[in-house]
Amino acid sequence: MAQQYTMSVADRLRRSFQERGIGILHHAASFGIRSVRFWFWDTIHGVETRQRVYVRELGVDNPNLAHAIHYEPSTPEITRVLPMLKIDYENFTFIDIGCGKGKAMLLASAFPFRRIVGIDLSPELILVAQENVRRYRGWGQRCKQFELCAIDATCFAFSAEPVVVYMYHP
């Protein structure tokens, strides 16, 4: 499934130049370092989260797609932010709106949440996230209760339970 989202470096550079113009030079330098870091994380955890997916590649027919942006993996900084919440994690559900391939969910599983829910508009990305959850080899994983929903976030019914809502690059 993830194979269909792969683009050549030349295609990514061409698309990036179209979107960023001359700013691509700064982006290319930072992308190289970031790409290696994300490749390493994916490799040691047995998943595929690093490949960016553009909205036009999703094949989703939804009026709210006009408000969506590309998929891009969350950064590991979430594991430094979550401890700042000072909450009793066992009583909370972690909800990732726009979960994409599920990286933030996998990172959040290092905390003992009651459960982790991922919501995304794209059924294809949800399938990739499901496979990543199945294959994930995370050290110190404390929550293994995952739910993934291919649904428009505006239609998602939040329960009355305490939640931590996460959105990366909304």
Foldseek 3Di string as FASTA:
>chain_A
DCVLLDDDPVVVLVVCCVVPPPCVVVVVVVCVVVVVVVVVVCVVFVADQARKHALVSQPFDDPCSVVDGIRHDDDLCVLVVVVVVPDPQCQEEEEEEQCQLNRVVQSCQLDQHVEYEYEHQGPVSLVRNVVSLVRTDDPNRNHSHYHYYNDHPVPDDDDPTHYDYDYDPD
